[in-house]
Structure formats: C-alpha cells, structure tokens
Amino acid sequence: MHVEDHGEQVVITMPRAEFFLVEALMMEALETGDNRDFQTRVGATKDEVRALLDSLPDMPIVGGG
C-alpha cells in the first residue's frame, strides 16, 4: 500500500484484494456494530459509513488487464 498525504486529501494506492478487504470490513462493521457505541469505536456514524460505501466505485473482483 502506498499513501500520499495531500493535506485535506489522502491518495491511497493498494492492491485490489486489499480494497475489497477494507470494503468488506466496513460492511461487517455496519452489520454487527452496536448502535450505542458505533461512532466511538469506528470514528464515524453508520450513515457516514454507508455514504462512504455508496461512494466507492463498482469494481470487478478480478483485474481487467
């Protein structure tokens, strides 16, 4: 993984498998997270995490070439 810090923005380059792992972990947190302490543990509300997941591009699991 490579991270470039541009102040307000961060550019992350990662292998496709890591992208899907991060996406899956966010979905798992939504499904299993307790509403009472979700924001404290995750650092974002469930609505914020849903919005982030919705903003991710649809990508095929296997690279196209």
N, C-alpha and C. Protein backbone atom coordinates (compact mmCIF):
# COMPACT_ATOMS: atom_id res chain seq x y z
N MET A 1 0.85 -1.16 0.00
CA MET A 1 0.00 0.00 0.00
C MET A 1 0.90 1.23 0.00
N HIS A 2 0.48 2.23 -0.76
CA HIS A 2 1.21 3.49 -0.82
C HIS A 2 0.24 4.62 -0.49
N VAL A 3 0.64 5.50 0.42
CA VAL A 3 -0.22 6.61 0.84
C VAL A 3 0.49 7.92 0.56
N GLU A 4 -0.20 8.83 -0.12
CA GLU A 4 0.30 10.18 -0.37
C GLU A 4 -0.56 11.16 0.42
N ASP A 5 0.06 11.95 1.27
CA ASP A 5 -0.65 12.93 2.10
C ASP A 5 -0.65 14.28 1.39
N HIS A 6 -1.84 14.72 1.00
CA HIS A 6 -2.01 15.99 0.33
C HIS A 6 -2.82 16.96 1.20
N GLY A 7 -2.58 16.92 2.49
CA GLY A 7 -3.31 17.81 3.40
C GLY A 7 -4.72 17.33 3.63
N GLU A 8 -5.68 18.01 3.03
CA GLU A 8 -7.09 17.65 3.20
C GLU A 8 -7.46 16.36 2.49
N GLN A 9 -6.64 15.93 1.54
CA GLN A 9 -6.90 14.69 0.82
C GLN A 9 -5.75 13.72 1.01
N VAL A 10 -6.07 12.45 0.99
CA VAL A 10 -5.08 11.39 1.06
C VAL A 10 -5.32 10.48 -0.15
N VAL A 11 -4.27 10.19 -0.88
CA VAL A 11 -4.37 9.30 -2.04
C VAL A 11 -3.74 7.96 -1.65
N ILE A 12 -4.54 6.91 -1.74
CA ILE A 12 -4.09 5.58 -1.35
C ILE A 12 -4.06 4.69 -2.58
N THR A 13 -2.93 4.05 -2.79
CA THR A 13 -2.80 3.05 -3.85
C THR A 13 -2.60 1.71 -3.16
N MET A 14 -3.49 0.77 -3.49
CA MET A 14 -3.42 -0.54 -2.83
C MET A 14 -3.80 -1.63 -3.80
N PRO A 15 -3.36 -2.84 -3.52
CA PRO A 15 -3.79 -3.97 -4.36
C PRO A 15 -5.31 -4.15 -4.28
N ARG A 16 -5.87 -4.65 -5.36
CA ARG A 16 -7.32 -4.87 -5.46
C ARG A 16 -7.84 -5.70 -4.27
N ALA A 17 -7.10 -6.72 -3.87
CA ALA A 17 -7.54 -7.57 -2.76
C ALA A 17 -7.67 -6.78 -1.47
N GLU A 18 -6.76 -5.85 -1.23
CA GLU A 18 -6.84 -5.02 -0.02
C GLU A 18 -8.05 -4.09 -0.08
N PHE A 19 -8.34 -3.55 -1.26
CA PHE A 19 -9.52 -2.69 -1.43
C PHE A 19 -10.77 -3.45 -1.02
N PHE A 20 -10.91 -4.68 -1.52
CA PHE A 20 -12.10 -5.46 -1.20
C PHE A 20 -12.14 -5.86 0.28
N LEU A 21 -10.98 -6.06 0.88
CA LEU A 21 -10.92 -6.36 2.32
C LEU A 21 -11.41 -5.16 3.13
N VAL A 22 -10.95 -3.97 2.80
CA VAL A 22 -11.39 -2.76 3.51
C VAL A 22 -12.89 -2.56 3.33
N GLU A 23 -13.38 -2.74 2.11
CA GLU A 23 -14.81 -2.62 1.84
C GLU A 23 -15.61 -3.63 2.67
N ALA A 24 -15.14 -4.86 2.72
CA ALA A 24 -15.84 -5.91 3.48
C ALA A 24 -15.83 -5.61 4.98
N LEU A 25 -14.72 -5.09 5.48
CA LEU A 25 -14.65 -4.74 6.90
C LEU A 25 -15.63 -3.62 7.25
N MET A 26 -15.79 -2.65 6.36
CA MET A 26 -16.75 -1.58 6.61
C MET A 26 -18.18 -2.12 6.61
N MET A 27 -18.47 -3.02 5.67
CA MET A 27 -19.82 -3.62 5.63
C MET A 27 -20.07 -4.45 6.87
N GLU A 28 -19.06 -5.20 7.30
CA GLU A 28 -19.20 -6.02 8.52
C GLU A 28 -19.44 -5.14 9.73
N ALA A 29 -18.73 -4.03 9.82
CA ALA A 29 -18.92 -3.11 10.95
C ALA A 29 -20.36 -2.59 10.98
N LEU A 30 -20.92 -2.29 9.81
CA LEU A 30 -22.31 -1.82 9.75
C LEU A 30 -23.28 -2.89 10.23
N GLU A 31 -23.05 -4.13 9.81
CA GLU A 31 -23.97 -5.21 10.13
C GLU A 31 -23.90 -5.63 11.59
N THR A 32 -22.71 -5.60 12.16
CA THR A 32 -22.56 -6.14 13.51
C THR A 32 -22.35 -5.09 14.58
N GLY A 33 -22.16 -3.84 14.17
CA GLY A 33 -21.87 -2.79 15.14
C GLY A 33 -23.07 -2.43 16.00
N ASP A 34 -22.83 -2.23 17.27
CA ASP A 34 -23.86 -1.81 18.22
C ASP A 34 -24.12 -0.32 18.03
N ASN A 35 -25.36 0.06 17.80
CA ASN A 35 -25.70 1.46 17.56
C ASN A 35 -25.25 2.38 18.69
N ARG A 36 -25.22 1.86 19.91
CA ARG A 36 -24.91 2.70 21.07
C ARG A 36 -23.47 3.20 21.08
N ASP A 37 -22.53 2.37 20.61
CA ASP A 37 -21.13 2.80 20.67
C ASP A 37 -20.43 2.74 19.31
N PHE A 38 -21.19 2.63 18.24
CA PHE A 38 -20.61 2.52 16.90
C PHE A 38 -19.70 3.70 16.58
N GLN A 39 -20.19 4.91 16.78
CA GLN A 39 -19.41 6.10 16.41
C GLN A 39 -18.13 6.20 17.24
N THR A 40 -18.18 5.83 18.50
CA THR A 40 -16.99 5.87 19.35
C THR A 40 -15.95 4.86 18.87
N ARG A 41 -16.39 3.66 18.52
CA ARG A 41 -15.45 2.62 18.09
C ARG A 41 -14.93 2.83 16.69
N VAL A 42 -15.79 3.27 15.78
CA VAL A 42 -15.43 3.36 14.36
C VAL A 42 -14.91 4.76 14.01
N GLY A 43 -15.37 5.77 14.69
CA GLY A 43 -14.96 7.13 14.39
C GLY A 43 -15.86 7.82 13.38
N ALA A 44 -16.99 7.19 13.08
CA ALA A 44 -17.97 7.74 12.14
C ALA A 44 -19.33 7.15 12.48
N THR A 45 -20.37 7.84 12.07
CA THR A 45 -21.71 7.30 12.28
C THR A 45 -21.98 6.22 11.23
N LYS A 46 -23.02 5.42 11.46
CA LYS A 46 -23.39 4.41 10.47
C LYS A 46 -23.79 5.07 9.15
N ASP A 47 -24.46 6.21 9.22
CA ASP A 47 -24.83 6.91 7.98
C ASP A 47 -23.60 7.38 7.21
N GLU A 48 -22.57 7.83 7.92
CA GLU A 48 -21.34 8.26 7.26
C GLU A 48 -20.63 7.08 6.59
N VAL A 49 -20.63 5.93 7.26
CA VAL A 49 -20.00 4.75 6.68
C VAL A 49 -20.81 4.27 5.47
N ARG A 50 -22.13 4.30 5.56
CA ARG A 50 -22.97 3.92 4.41
C ARG A 50 -22.69 4.84 3.22
N ALA A 51 -22.57 6.15 3.48
CA ALA A 51 -22.31 7.10 2.40
C ALA A 51 -20.95 6.84 1.76
N LEU A 52 -19.96 6.51 2.59
CA LEU A 52 -18.64 6.19 2.06
C LEU A 52 -18.69 4.93 1.19
N LEU A 53 -19.37 3.90 1.68
CA LEU A 53 -19.50 2.68 0.89
C LEU A 53 -20.23 2.95 -0.43
N ASP A 54 -21.28 3.77 -0.38
CA ASP A 54 -22.03 4.09 -1.59
C ASP A 54 -21.18 4.87 -2.59
N SER A 55 -20.17 5.60 -2.10
CA SER A 55 -19.34 6.40 -2.99
C SER A 55 -18.21 5.60 -3.64
N LEU A 56 -17.95 4.39 -3.14
CA LEU A 56 -16.89 3.57 -3.72
C LEU A 56 -17.29 3.10 -5.10
N PRO A 57 -16.33 3.02 -6.01
CA PRO A 57 -16.68 2.56 -7.36
C PRO A 57 -17.00 1.07 -7.37
N ASP A 58 -17.87 0.68 -8.29
CA ASP A 58 -18.12 -0.74 -8.52
C ASP A 58 -16.95 -1.27 -9.33
N MET A 59 -16.26 -2.23 -8.77
CA MET A 59 -15.10 -2.78 -9.45
C MET A 59 -15.21 -4.29 -9.54
N PRO A 60 -14.77 -4.84 -10.67
CA PRO A 60 -14.76 -6.31 -10.75
C PRO A 60 -13.73 -6.87 -9.79
N ILE A 61 -13.99 -8.05 -9.28
CA ILE A 61 -13.07 -8.67 -8.32
C ILE A 61 -11.73 -9.00 -8.97
N VAL A 62 -11.76 -9.38 -10.25
CA VAL A 62 -10.52 -9.71 -10.96
C VAL A 62 -10.16 -8.55 -11.87
N GLY A 63 -8.90 -8.17 -11.89
CA GLY A 63 -8.44 -7.06 -12.72
C GLY A 63 -8.67 -7.32 -14.19
N GLY A 64 -8.89 -6.24 -14.92
CA GLY A 64 -9.20 -6.36 -16.34
C GLY A 64 -8.00 -6.35 -17.26
N GLY A 65 -6.79 -6.12 -16.77
CA GLY A 65 -5.70 -6.22 -17.70
C GLY A 65 -4.74 -5.19 -17.53
